[in-house]
Every structure is written in C-alpha cells, then in structure tokens.
C-alpha atoms as a PDB file:
ATOM      1  CA  MET A   1     177.309  23.718 131.599  1.00  0.00           C
ATOM      2  CA  LYS A   2     180.413  22.833 132.561  1.00  0.00           C
ATOM      3  CA  ALA A   3     181.761  24.473 135.998  1.00  0.00           C
ATOM      4  CA  TYR A   4     185.307  23.342 136.925  1.00  0.00           C
ATOM      5  CA  VAL A   5     186.254  23.615 140.466  1.00  0.00           C
ATOM      6  CA  PHE A   6     189.505  23.381 142.316  1.00  0.00           C
ATOM      7  CA  PRO A   7     190.320  22.109 145.637  1.00  0.00           C
ATOM      8  CA  GLY A   8     192.060  24.014 148.546  1.00  0.00           C
ATOM      9  CA  GLN A   9     194.228  22.885 151.321  1.00  0.00           C
ATOM     10  CA  GLY A  10     193.688  19.730 153.044  1.00  0.00           C
ATOM     11  CA  ALA A  11     193.480  17.831 149.903  1.00  0.00           C
ATOM     12  CA  GLN A  12     197.030  16.931 149.687  1.00  0.00           C
ATOM     13  CA  PHE A  13     198.480  13.470 149.642  1.00  0.00           C
ATOM     14  CA  VAL A  14     201.611  11.843 149.091  1.00  0.00           C
ATOM     15  CA  GLY A  15     201.562  10.334 145.437  1.00  0.00           C
ATOM     16  CA  MET A  16     199.627  13.285 143.967  1.00  0.00           C
ATOM     17  CA  GLY A  17     200.350  14.084 140.453  1.00  0.00           C
ATOM     18  CA  LYS A  18     203.001  11.321 139.912  1.00  0.00           C
ATOM     19  CA  ASP A  19     201.112   9.445 137.275  1.00  0.00           C
ATOM     20  CA  LEU A  20     200.747  12.761 135.411  1.00  0.00           C
ATOM     21  CA  TYR A  21     204.365  13.479 135.658  1.00  0.00           C
ATOM     22  CA  GLU A  22     205.238  10.013 134.353  1.00  0.00           C
ATOM     23  CA  ASN A  23     202.657   9.898 131.332  1.00  0.00           C
ATOM     24  CA  ASN A  24     202.705  13.086 129.894  1.00  0.00           C
ATOM     25  CA  PRO A  25     205.278  15.327 128.581  1.00  0.00           C
ATOM     26  CA  LEU A  26     203.662  18.602 128.851  1.00  0.00           C
ATOM     27  CA  ALA A  27     202.749  17.675 132.714  1.00  0.00           C
ATOM     28  CA  LYS A  28     206.721  16.769 133.412  1.00  0.00           C
ATOM     29  CA  GLU A  29     207.779  20.174 131.691  1.00  0.00           C
ATOM     30  CA  LEU A  30     205.612  22.071 133.850  1.00  0.00           C
ATOM     31  CA  PHE A  31     206.541  20.071 136.939  1.00  0.00           C
ATOM     32  CA  GLU A  32     210.227  21.056 136.206  1.00  0.00           C
ATOM     33  CA  LYS A  33     209.689  24.386 135.613  1.00  0.00           C
ATOM     34  CA  ALA A  34     207.682  24.673 138.982  1.00  0.00           C
ATOM     35  CA  ASN A  35     210.896  22.948 140.464  1.00  0.00           C
ATOM     36  CA  ASP A  36     213.096  26.031 139.133  1.00  0.00           C
ATOM     37  CA  ILE A  37     210.450  28.604 140.004  1.00  0.00           C
ATOM     38  CA  LEU A  38     210.437  27.390 143.520  1.00  0.00           C
ATOM     39  CA  GLY A  39     214.068  26.820 144.224  1.00  0.00           C
ATOM     40  CA  PHE A  40     213.452  23.152 145.856  1.00  0.00           C
ATOM     41  CA  ARG A  41     212.133  19.760 144.358  1.00  0.00           C
ATOM     42  CA  ILE A  42     208.763  20.120 145.252  1.00  0.00           C
ATOM     43  CA  THR A  43     207.997  17.141 142.942  1.00  0.00           C
ATOM     44  CA  ASP A  44     209.845  14.672 145.265  1.00  0.00           C
ATOM     45  CA  MET A  45     208.093  15.840 148.194  1.00  0.00           C
ATOM     46  CA  MET A  46     204.695  15.239 146.090  1.00  0.00           C
ATOM     47  CA  PHE A  47     205.606  12.006 144.711  1.00  0.00           C
ATOM     48  CA  SER A  48     207.403  10.026 147.751  1.00  0.00           C
ATOM     49  CA  GLY A  49     207.979  12.490 150.415  1.00  0.00           C
ATOM     50  CA  THR A  50     206.085  11.941 153.821  1.00  0.00           C
ATOM     51  CA  ASP A  51     202.742  13.547 155.411  1.00  0.00           C
ATOM     52  CA  GLU A  52     204.813  15.398 157.374  1.00  0.00           C
ATOM     53  CA  ASP A  53     206.514  17.105 154.115  1.00  0.00           C
ATOM     54  CA  LEU A  54     203.571  17.841 152.379  1.00  0.00           C
ATOM     55  CA  ARG A  55     201.924  19.442 155.479  1.00  0.00           C
ATOM     56  CA  GLN A  56     204.662  21.971 155.361  1.00  0.00           C
ATOM     57  CA  THR A  57     202.699  25.361 154.314  1.00  0.00           C
ATOM     58  CA  LYS A  58     205.552  26.189 151.669  1.00  0.00           C
ATOM     59  CA  VAL A  59     204.869  22.968 150.196  1.00  0.00           C
ATOM     60  CA  THR A  60     201.125  22.334 150.489  1.00  0.00           C
ATOM     61  CA  GLN A  61     199.807  25.184 149.041  1.00  0.00           C
ATOM     62  CA  PRO A  62     202.114  24.996 145.990  1.00  0.00           C
ATOM     63  CA  ALA A  63     201.463  21.287 145.311  1.00  0.00           C
ATOM     64  CA  ILE A  64     197.500  21.153 145.398  1.00  0.00           C
ATOM     65  CA  PHE A  65     197.992  24.327 142.684  1.00  0.00           C
ATOM     66  CA  LEU A  66     200.521  22.363 140.618  1.00  0.00           C
ATOM     67  CA  HIS A  67     198.393  19.271 140.679  1.00  0.00           C
ATOM     68  CA  SER A  68     195.156  21.040 139.838  1.00  0.00           C
ATOM     69  CA  VAL A  69     196.570  23.586 136.913  1.00  0.00           C
ATOM     70  CA  ILE A  70     198.792  20.876 135.246  1.00  0.00           C
ATOM     71  CA  LEU A  71     195.638  18.637 135.138  1.00  0.00           C
ATOM     72  CA  ALA A  72     193.678  21.269 133.508  1.00  0.00           C
ATOM     73  CA  LYS A  73     196.481  22.048 130.871  1.00  0.00           C
ATOM     74  CA  THR A  74     197.048  18.564 129.996  1.00  0.00           C
ATOM     75  CA  LEU A  75     193.339  18.309 128.950  1.00  0.00           C
ATOM     76  CA  GLY A  76     194.325  20.781 126.075  1.00  0.00           C
ATOM     77  CA  ASP A  77     191.309  21.326 123.921  1.00  0.00           C
ATOM     78  CA  GLN A  78     189.085  19.206 125.890  1.00  0.00           C
ATOM     79  CA  PHE A  79     189.193  21.926 129.084  1.00  0.00           C
ATOM     80  CA  GLN A  80     186.262  24.247 127.708  1.00  0.00           C
ATOM     81  CA  PRO A  81     184.757  25.778 130.940  1.00  0.00           C
ATOM     82  CA  ASP A  82     181.967  27.791 131.089  1.00  0.00           C
ATOM     83  CA  MET A  83     182.888  28.702 134.269  1.00  0.00           C
ATOM     84  CA  THR A  84     185.435  27.819 137.030  1.00  0.00           C
ATOM     85  CA  ALA A  85     185.800  28.313 141.058  1.00  0.00           C
ATOM     86  CA  GLY A  86     188.178  27.211 143.554  1.00  0.00           C
ATOM     87  CA  HIS A  87     188.094  27.066 147.321  1.00  0.00           C
ATOM     88  CA  SER A  88     190.166  29.623 149.139  1.00  0.00           C
ATOM     89  CA  LEU A  89     193.782  28.486 147.661  1.00  0.00           C
ATOM     90  CA  GLY A  90     191.822  26.717 144.704  1.00  0.00           C
ATOM     91  CA  GLU A  91     190.778  30.230 143.586  1.00  0.00           C
ATOM     92  CA  PHE A  92     194.170  30.566 142.158  1.00  0.00           C
ATOM     93  CA  SER A  93     193.963  27.454 140.466  1.00  0.00           C
ATOM     94  CA  ALA A  94     190.998  28.335 138.808  1.00  0.00           C
ATOM     95  CA  LEU A  95     192.267  31.962 137.603  1.00  0.00           C
ATOM     96  CA  VAL A  96     195.305  30.144 135.923  1.00  0.00           C
ATOM     97  CA  ALA A  97     193.213  27.376 134.473  1.00  0.00           C
ATOM     98  CA  ALA A  98     190.668  30.107 133.163  1.00  0.00           C
ATOM     99  CA  GLY A  99     193.765  32.197 131.656  1.00  0.00           C
ATOM    100  CA  ALA A 100     193.248  35.341 134.065  1.00  0.00           C
ATOM    101  CA  LEU A 101     196.974  34.321 135.561  1.00  0.00           C
ATOM    102  CA  SER A 102     200.068  33.024 133.413  1.00  0.00           C
ATOM    103  CA  PHE A 103     201.315  29.558 135.262  1.00  0.00           C
ATOM    104  CA  GLU A 104     204.278  30.993 136.538  1.00  0.00           C
ATOM    105  CA  ASP A 105     202.798  34.340 138.000  1.00  0.00           C
ATOM    106  CA  GLY A 106     200.252  31.835 139.493  1.00  0.00           C
ATOM    107  CA  LEU A 107     202.877  29.703 141.027  1.00  0.00           C
ATOM    108  CA  VAL A 108     204.681  32.618 142.477  1.00  0.00           C
ATOM    109  CA  LEU A 109     201.736  34.157 143.950  1.00  0.00           C
ATOM    110  CA  VAL A 110     200.791  31.095 145.550  1.00  0.00           C
ATOM    111  CA  SER A 111     204.220  30.569 147.066  1.00  0.00           C
ATOM    112  CA  LYS A 112     204.168  33.819 148.624  1.00  0.00           C
ATOM    113  CA  ARG A 113     200.777  33.525 150.086  1.00  0.00           C
ATOM    114  CA  ALA A 114     201.664  30.416 151.858  1.00  0.00           C
ATOM    115  CA  MET A 115     204.906  32.138 153.221  1.00  0.00           C
ATOM    116  CA  ALA A 116     203.018  34.884 154.118  1.00  0.00           C
ATOM    117  CA  MET A 117     200.105  33.110 156.001  1.00  0.00           C
ATOM    118  CA  GLN A 118     202.871  30.840 157.443  1.00  0.00           C
ATOM    119  CA  LYS A 119     204.335  34.292 159.056  1.00  0.00           C
ATOM    120  CA  ALA A 120     200.879  35.565 160.221  1.00  0.00           C
ATOM    121  CA  CYS A 121     200.227  32.241 162.145  1.00  0.00           C
ATOM    122  CA  GLU A 122     203.688  32.628 163.943  1.00  0.00           C
ATOM    123  CA  ALA A 123     202.778  36.032 164.911  1.00  0.00           C
ATOM    124  CA  THR A 124     199.412  35.367 166.400  1.00  0.00           C
ATOM    125  CA  PRO A 125     198.733  31.842 167.850  1.00  0.00           C
ATOM    126  CA  SER A 126     194.998  31.141 166.612  1.00  0.00           C
ATOM    127  CA  THR A 127     193.014  28.446 165.101  1.00  0.00           C
ATOM    128  CA  MET A 128     189.809  26.834 163.301  1.00  0.00           C
ATOM    129  CA  ALA A 129     186.631  25.010 164.164  1.00  0.00           C
ATOM    130  CA  ALA A 130     184.449  22.994 162.052  1.00  0.00           C
ATOM    131  CA  VAL A 131     180.771  23.115 163.233  1.00  0.00           C
ATOM    132  CA  LEU A 132     178.130  20.721 161.834  1.00  0.00           C
ATOM    133  CA  ALA A 133     174.493  21.114 161.835  1.00  0.00           C
ATOM    134  CA  LEU A 134     173.639  24.484 162.736  1.00  0.00           C
ATOM    135  CA  ALA A 135     172.104  27.187 161.034  1.00  0.00           C
ATOM    136  CA  ASP A 136     174.544  29.560 159.439  1.00  0.00           C
ATOM    137  CA  GLU A 137     172.619  32.446 161.053  1.00  0.00           C
ATOM    138  CA  LYS A 138     172.775  30.949 164.678  1.00  0.00           C
ATOM    139  CA  VAL A 139     176.676  30.315 164.125  1.00  0.00           C
ATOM    140  CA  GLU A 140     176.953  34.011 162.937  1.00  0.00           C
ATOM    141  CA  GLU A 141     175.020  35.147 165.891  1.00  0.00           C
ATOM    142  CA  ILE A 142     177.230  33.134 168.370  1.00  0.00           C
ATOM    143  CA  CYS A 143     180.434  34.483 166.988  1.00  0.00           C
ATOM    144  CA  GLY A 144     179.184  37.924 167.046  1.00  0.00           C
ATOM    145  CA  SER A 145     178.529  37.545 170.817  1.00  0.00           C
ATOM    146  CA  ILE A 146     181.948  36.720 171.828  1.00  0.00           C
ATOM    147  CA  GLN A 147     183.303  39.767 173.731  1.00  0.00           C
ATOM    148  CA  ASP A 148     187.100  40.932 173.290  1.00  0.00           C
ATOM    149  CA  GLU A 149     188.113  38.090 171.055  1.00  0.00           C
ATOM    150  CA  ILE A 150     188.478  37.560 167.217  1.00  0.00           C
ATOM    151  CA  VAL A 151     185.672  34.613 165.931  1.00  0.00           C
ATOM    152  CA  VAL A 152     184.326  34.852 162.515  1.00  0.00           C
ATOM    153  CA  CYS A 153     182.667  32.462 160.220  1.00  0.00           C
ATOM    154  CA  ALA A 154     185.396  31.632 157.648  1.00  0.00           C
ATOM    155  CA  ASN A 155     184.047  28.703 155.261  1.00  0.00           C
ATOM    156  CA  TYR A 156     180.508  28.541 154.219  1.00  0.00           C
ATOM    157  CA  ASN A 157     180.993  24.866 153.079  1.00  0.00           C
ATOM    158  CA  CYS A 158     177.621  23.468 152.628  1.00  0.00           C
ATOM    159  CA  PRO A 159     174.347  23.609 154.390  1.00  0.00           C
ATOM    160  CA  GLY A 160     175.045  22.599 157.803  1.00  0.00           C
ATOM    161  CA  GLN A 161     178.691  22.488 157.246  1.00  0.00           C
ATOM    162  CA  LEU A 162     180.682  25.675 158.655  1.00  0.00           C
ATOM    163  CA  VAL A 163     183.984  26.504 159.601  1.00  0.00           C
ATOM    164  CA  ILE A 164     185.110  29.291 161.907  1.00  0.00           C
ATOM    165  CA  SER A 165     188.180  30.988 162.722  1.00  0.00           C
ATOM    166  CA  GLY A 166     189.664  33.360 165.296  1.00  0.00           C
ATOM    167  CA  SER A 167     191.964  33.521 168.435  1.00  0.00           C
ATOM    168  CA  ILE A 168     192.021  30.399 170.470  1.00  0.00           C
ATOM    169  CA  PRO A 169     190.197  31.638 173.520  1.00  0.00           C
ATOM    170  CA  GLY A 170     187.380  32.841 171.238  1.00  0.00           C
ATOM    171  CA  ILE A 171     187.308  29.617 169.152  1.00  0.00           C
ATOM    172  CA  ASP A 172     187.195  27.935 172.632  1.00  0.00           C
ATOM    173  CA  ALA A 173     184.336  30.030 173.830  1.00  0.00           C
ATOM    174  CA  ALA A 174     182.465  29.896 170.750  1.00  0.00           C
ATOM    175  CA  CYS A 175     182.379  26.174 170.387  1.00  0.00           C
ATOM    176  CA  GLU A 176     181.248  25.988 173.758  1.00  0.00           C
ATOM    177  CA  GLN A 177     178.295  27.710 173.182  1.00  0.00           C
ATOM    178  CA  LEU A 178     177.838  26.367 169.797  1.00  0.00           C
ATOM    179  CA  LEU A 179     177.286  22.776 171.253  1.00  0.00           C
ATOM    180  CA  ALA A 180     175.071  24.378 173.973  1.00  0.00           C
ATOM    181  CA  ALA A 181     173.065  26.014 170.889  1.00  0.00           C
ATOM    182  CA  GLY A 182     172.783  22.440 169.383  1.00  0.00           C
ATOM    183  CA  ALA A 183     175.247  21.962 166.858  1.00  0.00           C
ATOM    184  CA  LYS A 184     175.986  18.346 166.381  1.00  0.00           C
ATOM    185  CA  ARG A 185     179.751  18.880 166.680  1.00  0.00           C
ATOM    186  CA  ALA A 186     182.024  21.847 166.886  1.00  0.00           C
ATOM    187  CA  LEU A 187     185.493  20.608 166.864  1.00  0.00           C
ATOM    188  CA  LYS A 188     188.880  22.405 166.618  1.00  0.00           C
ATOM    189  CA  LEU A 189     190.804  21.736 163.175  1.00  0.00           C
ATOM    190  CA  ASN A 190     194.484  20.696 163.054  1.00  0.00           C
ATOM    191  CA  VAL A 191     195.519  23.811 161.320  1.00  0.00           C
ATOM    192  CA  GLY A 192     198.538  26.444 161.634  1.00  0.00           C
ATOM    193  CA  GLY A 193     196.201  29.446 162.154  1.00  0.00           C
ATOM    194  CA  ALA A 194     193.068  31.418 161.579  1.00  0.00           C
ATOM    195  CA  PHE A 195     192.632  31.640 157.957  1.00  0.00           C
ATOM    196  CA  HIS A 196     190.041  33.880 156.174  1.00  0.00           C
ATOM    197  CA  SER A 197     189.852  36.297 159.575  1.00  0.00           C
ATOM    198  CA  PRO A 198     190.954  39.718 160.312  1.00  0.00           C
ATOM    199  CA  LEU A 199     193.875  37.823 162.086  1.00  0.00           C
ATOM    200  CA  MET A 200     195.509  37.169 158.484  1.00  0.00           C
ATOM    201  CA  GLU A 201     195.598  40.784 157.766  1.00  0.00           C
ATOM    202  CA  PRO A 202     199.351  40.992 157.883  1.00  0.00           C
ATOM    203  CA  ALA A 203     199.533  38.100 154.896  1.00  0.00           C
ATOM    204  CA  ARG A 204     196.836  40.162 153.211  1.00  0.00           C
ATOM    205  CA  ALA A 205     199.050  43.254 153.231  1.00  0.00           C
ATOM    206  CA  GLU A 206     201.886  41.197 152.205  1.00  0.00           C
ATOM    207  CA  LEU A 207     200.237  39.440 149.355  1.00  0.00           C
ATOM    208  CA  ALA A 208     198.443  42.606 147.952  1.00  0.00           C
ATOM    209  CA  ALA A 209     201.627  44.204 147.004  1.00  0.00           C
ATOM    210  CA  ALA A 210     202.375  40.774 144.793  1.00  0.00           C
ATOM    211  CA  ILE A 211     198.918  40.859 143.513  1.00  0.00           C
ATOM    212  CA  GLU A 212     198.946  44.636 142.352  1.00  0.00           C
ATOM    213  CA  ALA A 213     202.405  43.954 140.720  1.00  0.00           C
ATOM    214  CA  THR A 214     201.389  40.925 138.731  1.00  0.00           C
ATOM    215  CA  THR A 215     199.716  41.243 135.410  1.00  0.00           C
ATOM    216  CA  PHE A 216     196.012  39.784 135.060  1.00  0.00           C
ATOM    217  CA  ASN A 217     194.127  39.046 131.978  1.00  0.00           C
ATOM    218  CA  THR A 218     190.725  39.083 131.235  1.00  0.00           C
ATOM    219  CA  PRO A 219     189.634  34.982 131.465  1.00  0.00           C
ATOM    220  CA  VAL A 220     188.377  32.860 128.891  1.00  0.00           C
ATOM    221  CA  CYS A 221     184.974  32.044 130.994  1.00  0.00           C
ATOM    222  CA  PRO A 222     183.829  33.655 134.288  1.00  0.00           C
ATOM    223  CA  VAL A 223     185.442  33.006 137.742  1.00  0.00           C
ATOM    224  CA  TYR A 224     183.254  33.076 140.863  1.00  0.00           C
ATOM    225  CA  GLN A 225     185.562  34.329 143.558  1.00  0.00           C
ATOM    226  CA  ASN A 226     185.303  33.470 147.114  1.00  0.00           C
ATOM    227  CA  VAL A 227     184.925  37.003 148.564  1.00  0.00           C
ATOM    228  CA  ASN A 228     181.458  37.630 147.096  1.00  0.00           C
ATOM    229  CA  ALA A 229     180.340  34.322 145.402  1.00  0.00           C
ATOM    230  CA  SER A 230     179.862  36.335 141.969  1.00  0.00           C
ATOM    231  CA  PRO A 231     181.410  35.667 138.528  1.00  0.00           C
ATOM    232  CA  ALA A 232     184.380  38.161 137.413  1.00  0.00           C
ATOM    233  CA  THR A 233     185.840  38.615 133.974  1.00  0.00           C
ATOM    234  CA  ASP A 234     187.494  42.053 134.617  1.00  0.00           C
ATOM    235  CA  PRO A 235     191.055  41.655 135.468  1.00  0.00           C
ATOM    236  CA  SER A 236     190.873  44.860 138.163  1.00  0.00           C
ATOM    237  CA  THR A 237     188.047  43.651 139.770  1.00  0.00           C
ATOM    238  CA  ILE A 238     189.400  39.934 140.130  1.00  0.00           C
ATOM    239  CA  GLN A 239     192.770  41.254 141.387  1.00  0.00           C
ATOM    240  CA  THR A 240     190.485  43.358 143.988  1.00  0.00           C
ATOM    241  CA  ASN A 241     188.737  40.326 145.271  1.00  0.00           C
ATOM    242  CA  LEU A 242     191.513  38.151 145.388  1.00  0.00           C
ATOM    243  CA  ILE A 243     193.236  40.809 147.604  1.00  0.00           C
ATOM    244  CA  ALA A 244     190.133  40.620 149.979  1.00  0.00           C
ATOM    245  CA  GLN A 245     190.311  36.899 150.418  1.00  0.00           C
ATOM    246  CA  LEU A 246     192.673  36.151 152.843  1.00  0.00           C
ATOM    247  CA  THR A 247     190.726  38.396 155.440  1.00  0.00           C
ATOM    248  CA  SER A 248     187.169  37.438 154.324  1.00  0.00           C
ATOM    249  CA  PRO A 249     185.063  34.363 154.381  1.00  0.00           C
ATOM    250  CA  VAL A 250     184.928  31.441 151.608  1.00  0.00           C
ATOM    251  CA  ARG A 251     181.301  31.521 150.447  1.00  0.00           C
ATOM    252  CA  TRP A 252     181.441  28.075 148.583  1.00  0.00           C
ATOM    253  CA  THR A 253     177.632  27.465 149.354  1.00  0.00           C
ATOM    254  CA  GLN A 254     176.849  30.727 147.716  1.00  0.00           C
ATOM    255  CA  THR A 255     179.287  30.216 145.291  1.00  0.00           C
ATOM    256  CA  VAL A 256     177.766  26.784 144.017  1.00  0.00           C
ATOM    257  CA  LEU A 257     174.244  28.039 144.303  1.00  0.00           C
ATOM    258  CA  ASN A 258     174.898  31.176 141.900  1.00  0.00           C
ATOM    259  CA  MET A 259     176.809  28.856 139.503  1.00  0.00           C
ATOM    260  CA  ILE A 260     173.655  26.367 139.081  1.00  0.00           C
ATOM    261  CA  ALA A 261     171.617  29.766 138.844  1.00  0.00           C
ATOM    262  CA  ASP A 262     173.806  30.523 135.885  1.00  0.00           C
ATOM    263  CA  GLY A 263     173.365  27.285 134.075  1.00  0.00           C
ATOM    264  CA  ALA A 264     175.884  25.021 135.687  1.00  0.00           C
ATOM    265  CA  ASP A 265     174.642  21.342 135.851  1.00  0.00           C
ATOM    266  CA  HIS A 266     177.843  19.409 135.582  1.00  0.00           C
ATOM    267  CA  PHE A 267     180.845  20.043 137.837  1.00  0.00           C
ATOM    268  CA  ILE A 268     184.324  18.504 137.554  1.00  0.00           C
ATOM    269  CA  GLU A 269     187.002  18.999 140.207  1.00  0.00           C
ATOM    270  CA  LEU A 270     190.395  19.004 139.097  1.00  0.00           C
ATOM    271  CA  GLY A 271     193.192  17.797 141.509  1.00  0.00           C
ATOM    272  CA  PRO A 272     193.983  15.944 144.517  1.00  0.00           C
ATOM    273  CA  GLY A 273     190.858  14.590 146.571  1.00  0.00           C
ATOM    274  CA  ASN A 274     186.982  14.582 146.095  1.00  0.00           C
ATOM    275  CA  VAL A 275     186.026  16.834 149.002  1.00  0.00           C
ATOM    276  CA  LEU A 276     184.334  19.711 146.544  1.00  0.00           C
ATOM    277  CA  GLN A 277     182.360  16.805 144.900  1.00  0.00           C
ATOM    278  CA  GLY A 278     180.879  15.975 148.048  1.00  0.00           C
ATOM    279  CA  LEU A 279     180.289  19.492 149.028  1.00  0.00           C
ATOM    280  CA  VAL A 280     178.598  20.199 145.500  1.00  0.00           C
ATOM    281  CA  LYS A 281     176.218  17.331 146.039  1.00  0.00           C
ATOM    282  CA  LYS A 282     175.199  18.694 149.486  1.00  0.00           C
ATOM    283  CA  ILE A 283     174.233  21.802 148.238  1.00  0.00           C
ATOM    284  CA  ASN A 284     172.208  20.435 145.097  1.00  0.00           C
ATOM    285  CA  LYS A 285     171.898  16.533 144.623  1.00  0.00           C
ATOM    286  CA  GLU A 286     170.711  16.972 141.075  1.00  0.00           C
ATOM    287  CA  VAL A 287     173.860  18.290 139.292  1.00  0.00           C
ATOM    288  CA  THR A 288     176.058  15.919 137.795  1.00  0.00           C
ATOM    289  CA  THR A 289     179.844  15.643 139.598  1.00  0.00           C
ATOM    290  CA  GLU A 290     182.711  14.118 138.621  1.00  0.00           C
ATOM    291  CA  GLY A 291     186.582  14.269 139.590  1.00  0.00           C
ATOM    292  CA  MET A 292     189.855  14.177 137.856  1.00  0.00           C
ATOM    293  CA  GLN A 293     193.398  13.492 139.701  1.00  0.00           C
END
C-alpha cells in the first residue's frame, strides 16, 4: 500500500519548485494563483531568492506547502494514495492532497498559521533542542522534572531522535540533564520559538478560529494526524485534531508505525528535501521509500 508523506519546516531550499513551474502548465497556474492569494510573489523568493528570504516565517511555511501540494496535483491520476500524513506543517499538505481541504483554503490557513506562530514567538522568547540517542521515556522524565519552566517533548521523529521545546532557561536546564543522563547530543536548534508546546497557545487560539470557519471535506483516504498518530476521515475530527496540533507533540514515529501496521509498505515523500524518507527508514528498514521534488 502506498503512503504519501509531506515534509515540514526546515526542508526549504532556494530553487524549490522552479522546474515544476517552468515545465508544467498546471503547476504554473497554481503557483500564480498562490501569488495572488498571498499578495506577494512567493515564487520569486522560492526560485531565486536568498536563504534569508526563505527563512522568513511568512515565506517558509507557504513555500513548502506549495511545493508539496502542487507536486501532488501535477501527478493527476497517478496520485492514488492509500493513506497520507505530514510532519507538522506537512499535515496541511497531506490534507489538501487527500481532498480534505481545497488548495485555496489550505494555503490561507498555512499563511495564517505562519503569522500566528511568528507573533507567539515574538511574545515569548523560547526555543527547541534536538536530543539524540536517549530513550523517549528518559527524555520525557527529565522534561517533566524541570521546575518552574515549560519544557516538553515536541517531535518524536524516530527512535533515538527527539526534539524538545520550551522556555530558554528550561531548555538549557534540560539539555544539561539530558547529556548527564547519557544523550549523545542535546543541541539547541536555530528556530524562532517553542513550536508544539504550550507556549504556542496564542497561535493555537488564533488559528482555531480560522480552522473552524473553513469547510473540511471527507478525504479520499485516511489522513494520519500528528496529535494522535491515528487515521482520520471524519471532517470534524480532522478539524479538532488540527486545532490541537500547534500545542501538541508531532508523533511521527508512532504515525509511521501505525501506517505500516495498517498495510503501508511504500512511502513516497512529496516536496522539498528527503528528511522524511530518512526518518521512515530509521523507523523500519524493510519498507520502500522514494521522493519527488
């Protein structure tokens, strides 16, 4: 069974989507539609901007979404997913590709999400850190032991690779303890804030209103959502899970394991980079992986 997966923030690169735009009339039409919806030429930044241009939150998230979703659209009848999933931002791409959201509504929500997250980051200085080679349970225990600060597990990426999120003093204290407990690495990431933590609550509240006002449809296949790593097809369930996503962890390891348990043996990553292919292989070496950019 084919599982299509969609990357999240960090996968962007200058030149992303340019070949699609130049060689596929449908892709060009959708990219131009996106420029109109966003009110600026995101394609200029994607195709020939600088790394700095692409790192702007208002650009990064829509850019990755557009590259991923337009790839799926250009596949036409070849795109026959048995299931889809996306990592964080990629969940919006997965939902649009599976028909739960229209292209236009998905792009508007992603743009609003990016702006709301940026505001939350500016309101409370915060950060994230990657933790390598320590059991999830030990990381959870140490995060829970930090007093008077917010520190939580944010991304369960694959066995032995977890990202924590929280206040800067909290992350500093946790990193020190994680290294002492035997982590191979506990390294602060160059990110704008504490994504997938309670510190994103202002963004969650702002995005919730937009999600509730948007029409969701029954997707053509189950979409495995970050919040509970479970398949969903009911529009109201999808909405509820999507609203909870910003302040909840991304359960990617559990998602991939559940997809495999439900029959997935061929994972196809649509969008920039190949991060998810690597994570899937670390979760289960037996499955087939491929990517399209």
